[in-house]
Structure formats: structure tokens, C-alpha cells
Amino acid sequence: MVAELKKATEQKMLKSLEALKHDLAKVRTGRAHPGILDHVQVEYYGSQVPISQIANITLIDARTIGVQPWEKPMIGKVEKAIRDADLGLNPATQGDLIRVPTPALTEERRRELIKLVKHEGENAKIAVRNQRRDANAHLKDALKKKEVSEDDERRIEEEIQKLTDRFVIEIDKMLADKEKDLMVV
């Protein structure tokens, strides 16, 4: 029961870390990367689908993303979806390829993005701490039911705290990397 609790808590903390990685990938730096377009939805025969399901997304150069829809009639819809996605991107069509240049970030916009990144990081830390709290609550219940001894409960609480500290340090490291990435001109 105790090993299961620790493993389940660690798995939940890992999911929080993965969610943070996914959220940080959406925050664009001065360089282009295909992940910027991950959440763009395109109307495809009456339903909304991710852009990656109807087009090839590639990097043309460090500041330009190339989007090539698999069907010619979709070019206009894909271009409109990218423009309407509120990403600050202005796509341009050249034949059957849509070029999406990523503009350089201003100092003010970099500061805003850093605030956003710190907010996402704080949310991830809160999630990790909530998982610690839940695990400790399960331990207290097990102690009341006399499934674990007081010594075991204290030892396991310390192990869960070490796990929490490890994940918080990992989150801080990810935030520092992203902040450094954002400040590169």
C-alpha cells in the first residue's frame, strides 16, 4: 500500500511536469518551431481538427515555418486559422506552401512572456504540492486505520517531501531555461 501510494504520487507529479513542458512549448521565443501551431484548429469538412492532421508543418529556416496542406482547397482555411489563432503571426501563401514568419520579440513582449511563464510554473508547483497534500492525507487515513505505524508514516512523509522538493527544483530549472531562452535576442 505504501509503495503504491509513493508510486502514484510520483506519477501524478510527473504528469504535472509534463503539462508544464507542454504549456511552455506554446510560449514562443524569437525562433520558429512547429509546436507554436499545435493548438491551431482548422475547419475541415464541418469539424474542427488540429492543423497537424491536415498539413505538413516544417521549418524553412530559423524564423520561418512552412505549412503545406495536403489538399489544395484547404490553403485558404489553414491560412485564415493561423491568422485568427491570436499568435501574432501573419502567414503568406506562395503556391501551395504557406510561409509563417515569426516576428522578432520586443523587450516589452519578452517581459510579458516571462510573467506568463512564471505564472505557469507557479501553477505547476501548486499542483505538485497538492499531490503531496493528498498523499499525506492518505497516509493519515492509513494511520487511523492502523495500516501503517507512526514511524512508517513519518518516514514516508519525509520521502514524499523529498519527492516534492525534487519536482519543485525541476520546475524551477525548466522556468530558468525558458526565461533564458526568451531573453536571447
C-alpha atoms as a PDB file:
ATOM      1  CA  MET A   1       0.000   0.000   0.000  1.00  0.00           C
ATOM      2  CA  VAL A   2       2.802   2.387   0.933  1.00  0.00           C
ATOM      3  CA  ALA A   3       4.838   1.685  -2.210  1.00  0.00           C
ATOM      4  CA  GLU A   4       1.716   2.101  -4.321  1.00  0.00           C
ATOM      5  CA  LEU A   5       0.999   5.471  -2.704  1.00  0.00           C
ATOM      6  CA  LYS A   6       4.539   6.736  -3.369  1.00  0.00           C
ATOM      7  CA  LYS A   7       4.459   5.471  -6.966  1.00  0.00           C
ATOM      8  CA  ALA A   8       1.030   7.000  -7.639  1.00  0.00           C
ATOM      9  CA  THR A   9       2.131  10.329  -6.154  1.00  0.00           C
ATOM     10  CA  GLU A  10       5.296  10.338  -8.258  1.00  0.00           C
ATOM     11  CA  GLN A  11       3.274   9.545 -11.408  1.00  0.00           C
ATOM     12  CA  LYS A  12       0.898  12.443 -10.718  1.00  0.00           C
ATOM     13  CA  MET A  13       3.832  14.791 -10.133  1.00  0.00           C
ATOM     14  CA  LEU A  14       5.389  13.641 -13.418  1.00  0.00           C
ATOM     15  CA  LYS A  15       2.118  14.425 -15.199  1.00  0.00           C
ATOM     16  CA  SER A  16       2.207  17.940 -13.742  1.00  0.00           C
ATOM     17  CA  LEU A  17       5.768  18.332 -15.034  1.00  0.00           C
ATOM     18  CA  GLU A  18       4.741  17.092 -18.500  1.00  0.00           C
ATOM     19  CA  ALA A  19       1.802  19.518 -18.545  1.00  0.00           C
ATOM     20  CA  LEU A  20       4.195  22.361 -17.730  1.00  0.00           C
ATOM     21  CA  LYS A  21       6.552  21.285 -20.538  1.00  0.00           C
ATOM     22  CA  HIS A  22       3.606  21.280 -22.935  1.00  0.00           C
ATOM     23  CA  ASP A  23       2.471  24.743 -21.771  1.00  0.00           C
ATOM     24  CA  LEU A  24       5.995  26.178 -22.029  1.00  0.00           C
ATOM     25  CA  ALA A  25       6.351  24.836 -25.576  1.00  0.00           C
ATOM     26  CA  LYS A  26       3.393  27.010 -26.597  1.00  0.00           C
ATOM     27  CA  VAL A  27       5.164  30.178 -25.424  1.00  0.00           C
ATOM     28  CA  ARG A  28       7.133  31.293 -28.412  1.00  0.00           C
ATOM     29  CA  THR A  29      10.657  32.600 -28.312  1.00  0.00           C
ATOM     30  CA  GLY A  30      12.271  34.593 -31.104  1.00  0.00           C
ATOM     31  CA  ARG A  31      12.874  31.396 -33.064  1.00  0.00           C
ATOM     32  CA  ALA A  32      10.336  29.464 -35.062  1.00  0.00           C
ATOM     33  CA  HIS A  33       9.286  25.977 -34.037  1.00  0.00           C
ATOM     34  CA  PRO A  34       6.391  23.859 -35.292  1.00  0.00           C
ATOM     35  CA  GLY A  35       4.979  23.499 -31.755  1.00  0.00           C
ATOM     36  CA  ILE A  36       3.691  27.075 -31.984  1.00  0.00           C
ATOM     37  CA  LEU A  37       0.914  25.828 -34.268  1.00  0.00           C
ATOM     38  CA  ASP A  38      -0.039  22.768 -32.185  1.00  0.00           C
ATOM     39  CA  HIS A  39      -3.280  24.177 -30.822  1.00  0.00           C
ATOM     40  CA  VAL A  40      -4.424  25.867 -34.065  1.00  0.00           C
ATOM     41  CA  GLN A  41      -7.743  24.340 -35.169  1.00  0.00           C
ATOM     42  CA  VAL A  42      -8.883  24.353 -38.813  1.00  0.00           C
ATOM     43  CA  GLU A  43     -12.432  23.830 -40.073  1.00  0.00           C
ATOM     44  CA  TYR A  44     -12.227  20.643 -42.173  1.00  0.00           C
ATOM     45  CA  TYR A  45     -15.449  19.445 -43.783  1.00  0.00           C
ATOM     46  CA  GLY A  46     -17.613  20.755 -40.939  1.00  0.00           C
ATOM     47  CA  SER A  47     -15.472  19.814 -37.930  1.00  0.00           C
ATOM     48  CA  GLN A  48     -12.552  21.474 -36.152  1.00  0.00           C
ATOM     49  CA  VAL A  49      -9.297  19.496 -36.415  1.00  0.00           C
ATOM     50  CA  PRO A  50      -5.696  20.279 -35.384  1.00  0.00           C
ATOM     51  CA  ILE A  51      -3.630  21.762 -38.200  1.00  0.00           C
ATOM     52  CA  SER A  52      -1.160  18.866 -37.968  1.00  0.00           C
ATOM     53  CA  GLN A  53      -3.886  16.454 -39.158  1.00  0.00           C
ATOM     54  CA  ILE A  54      -4.423  18.212 -42.478  1.00  0.00           C
ATOM     55  CA  ALA A  55      -0.975  19.622 -43.330  1.00  0.00           C
ATOM     56  CA  ASN A  56       2.769  19.050 -43.121  1.00  0.00           C
ATOM     57  CA  ILE A  57       4.446  21.524 -40.771  1.00  0.00           C
ATOM     58  CA  THR A  58       8.175  22.082 -41.297  1.00  0.00           C
ATOM     59  CA  LEU A  59      10.857  24.636 -40.511  1.00  0.00           C
ATOM     60  CA  ILE A  60      12.053  26.522 -43.567  1.00  0.00           C
ATOM     61  CA  ASP A  61      14.690  28.482 -41.629  1.00  0.00           C
ATOM     62  CA  ALA A  62      15.253  29.717 -38.063  1.00  0.00           C
ATOM     63  CA  ARG A  63      12.437  32.268 -38.271  1.00  0.00           C
ATOM     64  CA  THR A  64      10.016  30.723 -40.781  1.00  0.00           C
ATOM     65  CA  ILE A  65       7.579  27.817 -40.500  1.00  0.00           C
ATOM     66  CA  GLY A  66       6.298  26.135 -43.656  1.00  0.00           C
ATOM     67  CA  VAL A  67       2.769  24.715 -43.708  1.00  0.00           C
ATOM     68  CA  GLN A  68       1.761  22.587 -46.690  1.00  0.00           C
ATOM     69  CA  PRO A  69      -1.878  21.401 -46.631  1.00  0.00           C
ATOM     70  CA  TRP A  70      -2.471  18.000 -48.203  1.00  0.00           C
ATOM     71  CA  GLU A  71      -5.485  19.318 -50.136  1.00  0.00           C
ATOM     72  CA  LYS A  72      -5.294  22.482 -52.256  1.00  0.00           C
ATOM     73  CA  PRO A  73      -8.756  23.811 -51.257  1.00  0.00           C
ATOM     74  CA  MET A  74      -7.604  23.893 -47.603  1.00  0.00           C
ATOM     75  CA  ILE A  75      -4.852  26.502 -48.190  1.00  0.00           C
ATOM     76  CA  GLY A  76      -7.144  29.484 -47.570  1.00  0.00           C
ATOM     77  CA  LYS A  77      -8.765  27.905 -44.492  1.00  0.00           C
ATOM     78  CA  VAL A  78      -5.397  26.988 -42.963  1.00  0.00           C
ATOM     79  CA  GLU A  79      -4.016  30.481 -43.576  1.00  0.00           C
ATOM     80  CA  LYS A  80      -7.126  32.053 -42.003  1.00  0.00           C
ATOM     81  CA  ALA A  81      -6.948  29.700 -38.996  1.00  0.00           C
ATOM     82  CA  ILE A  82      -3.301  30.645 -38.344  1.00  0.00           C
ATOM     83  CA  ARG A  83      -4.104  34.348 -38.639  1.00  0.00           C
ATOM     84  CA  ASP A  84      -7.179  34.040 -36.349  1.00  0.00           C
ATOM     85  CA  ALA A  85      -5.335  31.983 -33.701  1.00  0.00           C
ATOM     86  CA  ASP A  86      -4.128  35.167 -31.949  1.00  0.00           C
ATOM     87  CA  LEU A  87      -0.473  34.113 -32.049  1.00  0.00           C
ATOM     88  CA  GLY A  88       0.770  37.352 -33.605  1.00  0.00           C
ATOM     89  CA  LEU A  89       1.668  35.504 -36.800  1.00  0.00           C
ATOM     90  CA  ASN A  90       0.996  36.724 -40.335  1.00  0.00           C
ATOM     91  CA  PRO A  91       1.048  33.798 -42.821  1.00  0.00           C
ATOM     92  CA  ALA A  92       1.668  34.338 -46.540  1.00  0.00           C
ATOM     93  CA  THR A  93       0.790  31.864 -49.285  1.00  0.00           C
ATOM     94  CA  GLN A  94       3.286  31.008 -52.036  1.00  0.00           C
ATOM     95  CA  GLY A  95       1.720  28.498 -54.406  1.00  0.00           C
ATOM     96  CA  ASP A  96       0.713  25.516 -52.280  1.00  0.00           C
ATOM     97  CA  LEU A  97       3.033  26.415 -49.369  1.00  0.00           C
ATOM     98  CA  ILE A  98       2.065  28.761 -46.548  1.00  0.00           C
ATOM     99  CA  ARG A  99       5.071  30.591 -45.113  1.00  0.00           C
ATOM    100  CA  VAL A 100       4.640  31.701 -41.492  1.00  0.00           C
ATOM    101  CA  PRO A 101       7.414  34.127 -40.468  1.00  0.00           C
ATOM    102  CA  THR A 102       7.810  34.619 -36.713  1.00  0.00           C
ATOM    103  CA  PRO A 103       8.447  38.263 -35.896  1.00  0.00           C
ATOM    104  CA  ALA A 104      11.223  39.238 -33.512  1.00  0.00           C
ATOM    105  CA  LEU A 105      10.047  39.841 -29.963  1.00  0.00           C
ATOM    106  CA  THR A 106      10.145  43.322 -28.446  1.00  0.00           C
ATOM    107  CA  GLU A 107      11.602  43.847 -24.970  1.00  0.00           C
ATOM    108  CA  GLU A 108       8.140  44.593 -23.578  1.00  0.00           C
ATOM    109  CA  ARG A 109       6.672  41.413 -25.090  1.00  0.00           C
ATOM    110  CA  ARG A 110       9.568  39.365 -23.691  1.00  0.00           C
ATOM    111  CA  ARG A 111       8.792  40.671 -20.191  1.00  0.00           C
ATOM    112  CA  GLU A 112       5.097  39.766 -20.628  1.00  0.00           C
ATOM    113  CA  LEU A 113       6.027  36.269 -21.770  1.00  0.00           C
ATOM    114  CA  ILE A 114       8.346  35.819 -18.776  1.00  0.00           C
ATOM    115  CA  LYS A 115       5.475  36.778 -16.446  1.00  0.00           C
ATOM    116  CA  LEU A 116       3.281  34.225 -18.219  1.00  0.00           C
ATOM    117  CA  VAL A 117       5.984  31.540 -17.906  1.00  0.00           C
ATOM    118  CA  LYS A 118       6.421  32.255 -14.175  1.00  0.00           C
ATOM    119  CA  HIS A 119       2.661  32.026 -13.690  1.00  0.00           C
ATOM    120  CA  GLU A 120       2.577  28.634 -15.456  1.00  0.00           C
ATOM    121  CA  GLY A 121       5.478  27.478 -13.278  1.00  0.00           C
ATOM    122  CA  GLU A 122       3.708  28.572 -10.107  1.00  0.00           C
ATOM    123  CA  ASN A 123       0.607  26.631 -11.181  1.00  0.00           C
ATOM    124  CA  ALA A 124       2.766  23.523 -11.703  1.00  0.00           C
ATOM    125  CA  LYS A 125       4.317  23.945  -8.243  1.00  0.00           C
ATOM    126  CA  ILE A 126       0.842  24.277  -6.709  1.00  0.00           C
ATOM    127  CA  ALA A 127      -0.219  21.071  -8.478  1.00  0.00           C
ATOM    128  CA  VAL A 128       2.832  19.216  -7.132  1.00  0.00           C
ATOM    129  CA  ARG A 129       2.173  20.493  -3.595  1.00  0.00           C
ATOM    130  CA  ASN A 130      -1.489  19.467  -3.847  1.00  0.00           C
ATOM    131  CA  GLN A 131      -0.376  15.961  -4.763  1.00  0.00           C
ATOM    132  CA  ARG A 132       1.895  15.940  -1.701  1.00  0.00           C
ATOM    133  CA  ARG A 133      -1.042  17.047   0.452  1.00  0.00           C
ATOM    134  CA  ASP A 134      -3.263  14.299  -0.983  1.00  0.00           C
ATOM    135  CA  ALA A 135      -0.608  11.643  -0.354  1.00  0.00           C
ATOM    136  CA  ASN A 136      -0.145  12.843   3.216  1.00  0.00           C
ATOM    137  CA  ALA A 137      -3.926  12.748   3.750  1.00  0.00           C
ATOM    138  CA  HIS A 138      -3.977   9.123   2.548  1.00  0.00           C
ATOM    139  CA  LEU A 139      -1.148   8.364   4.984  1.00  0.00           C
ATOM    140  CA  LYS A 140      -3.073   9.910   7.891  1.00  0.00           C
ATOM    141  CA  ASP A 141      -6.116   7.798   6.982  1.00  0.00           C
ATOM    142  CA  ALA A 142      -3.943   4.675   6.856  1.00  0.00           C
ATOM    143  CA  LEU A 143      -2.517   5.584  10.263  1.00  0.00           C
ATOM    144  CA  LYS A 144      -6.030   5.968  11.729  1.00  0.00           C
ATOM    145  CA  LYS A 145      -6.994   2.570  10.300  1.00  0.00           C
ATOM    146  CA  LYS A 146      -3.754   1.206  11.774  1.00  0.00           C
ATOM    147  CA  GLU A 147      -2.499   0.074   8.328  1.00  0.00           C
ATOM    148  CA  VAL A 148       0.878   1.785   8.952  1.00  0.00           C
ATOM    149  CA  SER A 149       2.837   2.570  12.088  1.00  0.00           C
ATOM    150  CA  GLU A 150       3.625   6.122  13.215  1.00  0.00           C
ATOM    151  CA  ASP A 151       7.307   5.620  12.397  1.00  0.00           C
ATOM    152  CA  ASP A 152       6.462   4.404   8.892  1.00  0.00           C
ATOM    153  CA  GLU A 153       4.073   7.311   8.409  1.00  0.00           C
ATOM    154  CA  ARG A 154       6.758   9.836   9.394  1.00  0.00           C
ATOM    155  CA  ARG A 155       9.372   8.156   7.172  1.00  0.00           C
ATOM    156  CA  ILE A 156       7.023   8.060   4.179  1.00  0.00           C
ATOM    157  CA  GLU A 157       6.015  11.707   4.706  1.00  0.00           C
ATOM    158  CA  GLU A 158       9.713  12.623   4.565  1.00  0.00           C
ATOM    159  CA  GLU A 159      10.162  10.611   1.350  1.00  0.00           C
ATOM    160  CA  ILE A 160       7.153  12.325  -0.233  1.00  0.00           C
ATOM    161  CA  GLN A 161       8.571  15.700   0.837  1.00  0.00           C
ATOM    162  CA  LYS A 162      11.905  14.827  -0.835  1.00  0.00           C
ATOM    163  CA  LEU A 163       9.967  13.842  -3.959  1.00  0.00           C
ATOM    164  CA  THR A 164       8.108  17.162  -3.862  1.00  0.00           C
ATOM    165  CA  ASP A 165      11.355  19.106  -3.423  1.00  0.00           C
ATOM    166  CA  ARG A 166      12.896  17.266  -6.384  1.00  0.00           C
ATOM    167  CA  PHE A 167       9.978  18.178  -8.655  1.00  0.00           C
ATOM    168  CA  VAL A 168       9.924  21.815  -7.493  1.00  0.00           C
ATOM    169  CA  ILE A 169      13.648  22.093  -8.300  1.00  0.00           C
ATOM    170  CA  GLU A 170      12.981  20.551 -11.734  1.00  0.00           C
ATOM    171  CA  ILE A 171      10.191  23.086 -12.352  1.00  0.00           C
ATOM    172  CA  ASP A 172      12.482  25.968 -11.326  1.00  0.00           C
ATOM    173  CA  LYS A 173      15.151  24.675 -13.718  1.00  0.00           C
ATOM    174  CA  MET A 174      12.643  24.486 -16.593  1.00  0.00           C
ATOM    175  CA  LEU A 175      11.477  28.047 -15.855  1.00  0.00           C
ATOM    176  CA  ALA A 176      15.043  29.367 -15.748  1.00  0.00           C
ATOM    177  CA  ASP A 177      15.808  27.689 -19.101  1.00  0.00           C
ATOM    178  CA  LYS A 178      12.683  29.133 -20.714  1.00  0.00           C
ATOM    179  CA  GLU A 179      13.375  32.594 -19.273  1.00  0.00           C
ATOM    180  CA  LYS A 180      16.930  32.468 -20.627  1.00  0.00           C
ATOM    181  CA  ASP A 181      15.516  31.344 -23.974  1.00  0.00           C
ATOM    182  CA  LEU A 182      13.100  34.270 -24.039  1.00  0.00           C
ATOM    183  CA  MET A 183      15.762  36.863 -23.243  1.00  0.00           C
ATOM    184  CA  VAL A 184      18.044  35.796 -26.120  1.00  0.00           C
ATOM    185  CA  VAL A 185      17.786  38.491 -28.771  1.00  0.00           C
END
